[in-house]
Amino acid sequence: MELERPVKSPCVSICALDEQDICTGCQRTADEITRWGRMDNAERRLVLARCVERTRAAGQFIQQPATH
């Protein structure tokens, strides 16, 4: 059985929390940042999906990976 690699952190080294305790760099909550190391991959993927939704709700651009 092959082990799954851990889902990579979305941290972009712009670490500043806004008024709602959401990081302006990665869009994770302070709680999500604190718990990231203890999350399994399924929970990390849920957090990443919430980060995308927060980014869209804030009207920020999300760069999509290039397709070839």
PDB file of N, CA and C in Angstrom:
ATOM      1  N   MET A   1       0.831  -1.187   0.000  1.00  0.00           N
ATOM      2  CA  MET A   1       0.000   0.000   0.000  1.00  0.00           C
ATOM      3  C   MET A   1       0.872   1.246   0.000  1.00  0.00           C
ATOM      4  N   GLU A   2       0.664   2.097  -0.979  1.00  0.00           N
ATOM      5  CA  GLU A   2       1.459   3.309  -1.106  1.00  0.00           C
ATOM      6  C   GLU A   2       0.859   4.415  -0.241  1.00  0.00           C
ATOM      7  N   LEU A   3       1.710   5.100   0.503  1.00  0.00           N
ATOM      8  CA  LEU A   3       1.260   6.202   1.347  1.00  0.00           C
ATOM      9  C   LEU A   3       1.041   7.452   0.519  1.00  0.00           C
ATOM     10  N   GLU A   4      -0.002   8.167   0.848  1.00  0.00           N
ATOM     11  CA  GLU A   4      -0.304   9.427   0.162  1.00  0.00           C
ATOM     12  C   GLU A   4       0.556  10.535   0.758  1.00  0.00           C
ATOM     13  N   ARG A   5       1.087  11.377  -0.108  1.00  0.00           N
ATOM     14  CA  ARG A   5       1.869  12.522   0.366  1.00  0.00           C
ATOM     15  C   ARG A   5       0.945  13.523   1.046  1.00  0.00           C
ATOM     16  N   PRO A   6       1.452  14.228   2.053  1.00  0.00           N
ATOM     17  CA  PRO A   6       0.627  15.246   2.707  1.00  0.00           C
ATOM     18  C   PRO A   6       0.289  16.383   1.734  1.00  0.00           C
ATOM     19  N   VAL A   7      -0.933  16.883   1.830  1.00  0.00           N
ATOM     20  CA  VAL A   7      -1.342  18.028   1.026  1.00  0.00           C
ATOM     21  C   VAL A   7      -0.524  19.228   1.490  1.00  0.00           C
ATOM     22  N   LYS A   8       0.069  19.921   0.541  1.00  0.00           N
ATOM     23  CA  LYS A   8       0.955  21.044   0.831  1.00  0.00           C
ATOM     24  C   LYS A   8       0.185  22.236   1.387  1.00  0.00           C
ATOM     25  N   SER A   9       0.804  22.942   2.301  1.00  0.00           N
ATOM     26  CA  SER A   9       0.228  24.145   2.892  1.00  0.00           C
ATOM     27  C   SER A   9       0.069  25.232   1.827  1.00  0.00           C
ATOM     28  N   PRO A  10      -1.013  25.995   1.890  1.00  0.00           N
ATOM     29  CA  PRO A  10      -1.201  27.085   0.932  1.00  0.00           C
ATOM     30  C   PRO A  10      -0.472  28.373   1.326  1.00  0.00           C
ATOM     31  N   CYS A  11       0.341  28.314   2.358  1.00  0.00           N
ATOM     32  CA  CYS A  11       1.035  29.515   2.844  1.00  0.00           C
ATOM     33  C   CYS A  11       1.871  30.145   1.727  1.00  0.00           C
ATOM     34  N   VAL A  12       1.757  31.462   1.601  1.00  0.00           N
ATOM     35  CA  VAL A  12       2.528  32.205   0.601  1.00  0.00           C
ATOM     36  C   VAL A  12       3.447  33.229   1.274  1.00  0.00           C
ATOM     37  N   SER A  13       3.693  33.030   2.558  1.00  0.00           N
ATOM     38  CA  SER A  13       4.577  33.884   3.369  1.00  0.00           C
ATOM     39  C   SER A  13       4.123  35.334   3.426  1.00  0.00           C
ATOM     40  N   ILE A  14       2.824  35.550   3.328  1.00  0.00           N
ATOM     41  CA  ILE A  14       2.224  36.870   3.573  1.00  0.00           C
ATOM     42  C   ILE A  14       1.291  36.642   4.757  1.00  0.00           C
ATOM     43  N   CYS A  15       1.853  36.655   5.946  1.00  0.00           N
ATOM     44  CA  CYS A  15       1.134  36.223   7.139  1.00  0.00           C
ATOM     45  C   CYS A  15       0.608  37.417   7.930  1.00  0.00           C
ATOM     46  N   ALA A  16      -0.642  37.744   7.684  1.00  0.00           N
ATOM     47  CA  ALA A  16      -1.301  38.830   8.404  1.00  0.00           C
ATOM     48  C   ALA A  16      -2.784  38.500   8.496  1.00  0.00           C
ATOM     49  N   LEU A  17      -3.320  38.552   9.715  1.00  0.00           N
ATOM     50  CA  LEU A  17      -4.728  38.248   9.904  1.00  0.00           C
ATOM     51  C   LEU A  17      -5.561  39.518   9.787  1.00  0.00           C
ATOM     52  N   ASP A  18      -6.720  39.392   9.129  1.00  0.00           N
ATOM     53  CA  ASP A  18      -7.628  40.532   9.011  1.00  0.00           C
ATOM     54  C   ASP A  18      -8.550  40.579  10.231  1.00  0.00           C
ATOM     55  N   GLU A  19      -9.577  41.408  10.171  1.00  0.00           N
ATOM     56  CA  GLU A  19     -10.495  41.597  11.292  1.00  0.00           C
ATOM     57  C   GLU A  19     -11.255  40.314  11.648  1.00  0.00           C
ATOM     58  N   GLN A  20     -11.421  39.412  10.690  1.00  0.00           N
ATOM     59  CA  GLN A  20     -12.128  38.149  10.920  1.00  0.00           C
ATOM     60  C   GLN A  20     -11.172  36.996  11.255  1.00  0.00           C
ATOM     61  N   ASP A  21      -9.916  37.313  11.541  1.00  0.00           N
ATOM     62  CA  ASP A  21      -8.886  36.308  11.809  1.00  0.00           C
ATOM     63  C   ASP A  21      -8.651  35.384  10.624  1.00  0.00           C
ATOM     64  N   ILE A  22      -8.706  35.944   9.416  1.00  0.00           N
ATOM     65  CA  ILE A  22      -8.397  35.198   8.196  1.00  0.00           C
ATOM     66  C   ILE A  22      -7.102  35.772   7.625  1.00  0.00           C
ATOM     67  N   CYS A  23      -6.184  34.901   7.283  1.00  0.00           N
ATOM     68  CA  CYS A  23      -4.895  35.337   6.744  1.00  0.00           C
ATOM     69  C   CYS A  23      -5.094  35.982   5.373  1.00  0.00           C
ATOM     70  N   THR A  24      -4.526  37.149   5.193  1.00  0.00           N
ATOM     71  CA  THR A  24      -4.659  37.846   3.917  1.00  0.00           C
ATOM     72  C   THR A  24      -3.820  37.197   2.822  1.00  0.00           C
ATOM     73  N   GLY A  25      -2.881  36.347   3.184  1.00  0.00           N
ATOM     74  CA  GLY A  25      -2.054  35.659   2.191  1.00  0.00           C
ATOM     75  C   GLY A  25      -2.673  34.381   1.676  1.00  0.00           C
ATOM     76  N   CYS A  26      -3.047  33.486   2.591  1.00  0.00           N
ATOM     77  CA  CYS A  26      -3.530  32.159   2.171  1.00  0.00           C
ATOM     78  C   CYS A  26      -5.032  31.965   2.353  1.00  0.00           C
ATOM     79  N   GLN A  27      -5.694  32.885   3.018  1.00  0.00           N
ATOM     80  CA  GLN A  27      -7.144  32.834   3.250  1.00  0.00           C
ATOM     81  C   GLN A  27      -7.579  31.753   4.247  1.00  0.00           C
ATOM     82  N   ARG A  28      -6.643  31.224   5.035  1.00  0.00           N
ATOM     83  CA  ARG A  28      -7.029  30.297   6.103  1.00  0.00           C
ATOM     84  C   ARG A  28      -7.346  31.085   7.365  1.00  0.00           C
ATOM     85  N   THR A  29      -8.227  30.514   8.192  1.00  0.00           N
ATOM     86  CA  THR A  29      -8.499  31.121   9.483  1.00  0.00           C
ATOM     87  C   THR A  29      -7.326  30.840  10.415  1.00  0.00           C
ATOM     88  N   ALA A  30      -7.247  31.592  11.502  1.00  0.00           N
ATOM     89  CA  ALA A  30      -6.186  31.359  12.475  1.00  0.00           C
ATOM     90  C   ALA A  30      -6.258  29.927  13.000  1.00  0.00           C
ATOM     91  N   ASP A  31      -7.466  29.429  13.232  1.00  0.00           N
ATOM     92  CA  ASP A  31      -7.642  28.055  13.702  1.00  0.00           C
ATOM     93  C   ASP A  31      -7.157  27.046  12.666  1.00  0.00           C
ATOM     94  N   GLU A  32      -7.466  27.274  11.401  1.00  0.00           N
ATOM     95  CA  GLU A  32      -7.029  26.355  10.345  1.00  0.00           C
ATOM     96  C   GLU A  32      -5.509  26.338  10.236  1.00  0.00           C
ATOM     97  N   ILE A  33      -4.894  27.495  10.382  1.00  0.00           N
ATOM     98  CA  ILE A  33      -3.428  27.575  10.328  1.00  0.00           C
ATOM     99  C   ILE A  33      -2.823  26.790  11.489  1.00  0.00           C
ATOM    100  N   THR A  34      -3.384  26.993  12.675  1.00  0.00           N
ATOM    101  CA  THR A  34      -2.871  26.335  13.874  1.00  0.00           C
ATOM    102  C   THR A  34      -3.017  24.821  13.797  1.00  0.00           C
ATOM    103  N   ARG A  35      -4.128  24.338  13.271  1.00  0.00           N
ATOM    104  CA  ARG A  35      -4.405  22.903  13.222  1.00  0.00           C
ATOM    105  C   ARG A  35      -3.842  22.192  11.994  1.00  0.00           C
ATOM    106  N   TRP A  36      -3.331  22.927  10.994  1.00  0.00           N
ATOM    107  CA  TRP A  36      -2.909  22.342   9.719  1.00  0.00           C
ATOM    108  C   TRP A  36      -2.013  21.116   9.900  1.00  0.00           C
ATOM    109  N   GLY A  37      -1.041  21.192  10.754  1.00  0.00           N
ATOM    110  CA  GLY A  37      -0.094  20.086  10.945  1.00  0.00           C
ATOM    111  C   GLY A  37      -0.723  18.824  11.495  1.00  0.00           C
ATOM    112  N   ARG A  38      -1.882  18.938  12.129  1.00  0.00           N
ATOM    113  CA  ARG A  38      -2.568  17.781  12.701  1.00  0.00           C
ATOM    114  C   ARG A  38      -3.726  17.281  11.835  1.00  0.00           C
ATOM    115  N   MET A  39      -3.991  17.960  10.729  1.00  0.00           N
ATOM    116  CA  MET A  39      -5.105  17.578   9.840  1.00  0.00           C
ATOM    117  C   MET A  39      -4.686  16.434   8.925  1.00  0.00           C
ATOM    118  N   ASP A  40      -5.663  15.581   8.587  1.00  0.00           N
ATOM    119  CA  ASP A  40      -5.396  14.586   7.556  1.00  0.00           C
ATOM    120  C   ASP A  40      -5.642  15.249   6.191  1.00  0.00           C
ATOM    121  N   ASN A  41      -5.298  14.545   5.130  1.00  0.00           N
ATOM    122  CA  ASN A  41      -5.415  15.131   3.787  1.00  0.00           C
ATOM    123  C   ASN A  41      -6.848  15.496   3.419  1.00  0.00           C
ATOM    124  N   ALA A  42      -7.813  14.721   3.873  1.00  0.00           N
ATOM    125  CA  ALA A  42      -9.214  15.024   3.558  1.00  0.00           C
ATOM    126  C   ALA A  42      -9.613  16.373   4.160  1.00  0.00           C
ATOM    127  N   GLU A  43      -9.238  16.599   5.406  1.00  0.00           N
ATOM    128  CA  GLU A  43      -9.573  17.874   6.042  1.00  0.00           C
ATOM    129  C   GLU A  43      -8.803  19.020   5.390  1.00  0.00           C
ATOM    130  N   ARG A  44      -7.544  18.779   5.026  1.00  0.00           N
ATOM    131  CA  ARG A  44      -6.756  19.821   4.357  1.00  0.00           C
ATOM    132  C   ARG A  44      -7.404  20.221   3.032  1.00  0.00           C
ATOM    133  N   ARG A  45      -7.927  19.248   2.296  1.00  0.00           N
ATOM    134  CA  ARG A  45      -8.592  19.570   1.025  1.00  0.00           C
ATOM    135  C   ARG A  45      -9.852  20.398   1.260  1.00  0.00           C
ATOM    136  N   LEU A  46     -10.584  20.108   2.327  1.00  0.00           N
ATOM    137  CA  LEU A  46     -11.760  20.918   2.661  1.00  0.00           C
ATOM    138  C   LEU A  46     -11.352  22.354   2.986  1.00  0.00           C
ATOM    139  N   VAL A  47     -10.270  22.506   3.733  1.00  0.00           N
ATOM    140  CA  VAL A  47      -9.770  23.840   4.064  1.00  0.00           C
ATOM    141  C   VAL A  47      -9.366  24.577   2.790  1.00  0.00           C
ATOM    142  N   LEU A  48      -8.675  23.897   1.881  1.00  0.00           N
ATOM    143  CA  LEU A  48      -8.264  24.540   0.634  1.00  0.00           C
ATOM    144  C   LEU A  48      -9.474  24.993  -0.179  1.00  0.00           C
ATOM    145  N   ALA A  49     -10.533  24.190  -0.187  1.00  0.00           N
ATOM    146  CA  ALA A  49     -11.756  24.578  -0.899  1.00  0.00           C
ATOM    147  C   ALA A  49     -12.377  25.823  -0.255  1.00  0.00           C
ATOM    148  N   ARG A  50     -12.362  25.883   1.068  1.00  0.00           N
ATOM    149  CA  ARG A  50     -12.883  27.076   1.756  1.00  0.00           C
ATOM    150  C   ARG A  50     -12.023  28.293   1.441  1.00  0.00           C
ATOM    151  N   CYS A  51     -10.705  28.096   1.332  1.00  0.00           N
ATOM    152  CA  CYS A  51      -9.809  29.210   0.988  1.00  0.00           C
ATOM    153  C   CYS A  51     -10.151  29.772  -0.390  1.00  0.00           C
ATOM    154  N   VAL A  52     -10.430  28.893  -1.350  1.00  0.00           N
ATOM    155  CA  VAL A  52     -10.814  29.327  -2.691  1.00  0.00           C
ATOM    156  C   VAL A  52     -12.102  30.135  -2.628  1.00  0.00           C
ATOM    157  N   GLU A  53     -13.075  29.651  -1.865  1.00  0.00           N
ATOM    158  CA  GLU A  53     -14.349  30.364  -1.734  1.00  0.00           C
ATOM    159  C   GLU A  53     -14.157  31.725  -1.072  1.00  0.00           C
ATOM    160  N   ARG A  54     -13.319  31.792  -0.063  1.00  0.00           N
ATOM    161  CA  ARG A  54     -13.052  33.085   0.597  1.00  0.00           C
ATOM    162  C   ARG A  54     -12.381  34.052  -0.372  1.00  0.00           C
ATOM    163  N   THR A  55     -11.467  33.528  -1.180  1.00  0.00           N
ATOM    164  CA  THR A  55     -10.776  34.371  -2.163  1.00  0.00           C
ATOM    165  C   THR A  55     -11.766  34.918  -3.176  1.00  0.00           C
ATOM    166  N   ARG A  56     -12.649  34.058  -3.675  1.00  0.00           N
ATOM    167  CA  ARG A  56     -13.668  34.502  -4.642  1.00  0.00           C
ATOM    168  C   ARG A  56     -14.615  35.516  -4.013  1.00  0.00           C
ATOM    169  N   ALA A  57     -15.039  35.272  -2.770  1.00  0.00           N
ATOM    170  CA  ALA A  57     -15.958  36.171  -2.084  1.00  0.00           C
ATOM    171  C   ALA A  57     -15.333  37.548  -1.879  1.00  0.00           C
ATOM    172  N   ALA A  58     -14.021  37.573  -1.729  1.00  0.00           N
ATOM    173  CA  ALA A  58     -13.310  38.840  -1.555  1.00  0.00           C
ATOM    174  C   ALA A  58     -13.028  39.524  -2.894  1.00  0.00           C
ATOM    175  N   GLY A  59     -13.389  38.855  -3.997  1.00  0.00           N
ATOM    176  CA  GLY A  59     -13.166  39.427  -5.324  1.00  0.00           C
ATOM    177  C   GLY A  59     -11.723  39.382  -5.775  1.00  0.00           C
ATOM    178  N   GLN A  60     -10.947  38.478  -5.197  1.00  0.00           N
ATOM    179  CA  GLN A  60      -9.542  38.364  -5.559  1.00  0.00           C
ATOM    180  C   GLN A  60      -9.382  37.381  -6.709  1.00  0.00           C
ATOM    181  N   PHE A  61      -8.318  37.552  -7.460  1.00  0.00           N
ATOM    182  CA  PHE A  61      -8.017  36.701  -8.606  1.00  0.00           C
ATOM    183  C   PHE A  61      -7.400  35.400  -8.134  1.00  0.00           C
ATOM    184  N   ILE A  62      -7.851  34.291  -8.698  1.00  0.00           N
ATOM    185  CA  ILE A  62      -7.265  32.984  -8.429  1.00  0.00           C
ATOM    186  C   ILE A  62      -6.615  32.495  -9.711  1.00  0.00           C
ATOM    187  N   GLN A  63      -5.297  32.298  -9.664  1.00  0.00           N
ATOM    188  CA  GLN A  63      -4.591  31.827 -10.849  1.00  0.00           C
ATOM    189  C   GLN A  63      -4.824  30.331 -11.004  1.00  0.00           C
ATOM    190  N   GLN A  64      -5.318  29.947 -12.145  1.00  0.00           N
ATOM    191  CA  GLN A  64      -5.554  28.542 -12.443  1.00  0.00           C
ATOM    192  C   GLN A  64      -4.281  27.938 -13.041  1.00  0.00           C
ATOM    193  N   PRO A  65      -4.016  26.680 -12.757  1.00  0.00           N
ATOM    194  CA  PRO A  65      -2.837  26.046 -13.357  1.00  0.00           C
ATOM    195  C   PRO A  65      -2.989  25.976 -14.870  1.00  0.00           C
ATOM    196  N   ALA A  66      -1.878  26.084 -15.548  1.00  0.00           N
ATOM    197  CA  ALA A  66      -1.889  26.013 -17.022  1.00  0.00           C
ATOM    198  C   ALA A  66      -2.264  24.616 -17.464  1.00  0.00           C
ATOM    199  N   THR A  67      -3.027  24.536 -18.540  1.00  0.00           N
ATOM    200  CA  THR A  67      -3.374  23.235 -19.105  1.00  0.00           C
ATOM    201  C   THR A  67      -2.729  23.138 -20.483  1.00  0.00           C
ATOM    202  N   HIS A  68      -2.207  21.997 -20.783  1.00  0.00           N
ATOM    203  CA  HIS A  68      -1.519  21.798 -22.064  1.00  0.00           C
ATOM    204  C   HIS A  68      -2.193  20.715 -22.861  1.00  0.00           C
TER     205      HIS A  68
END
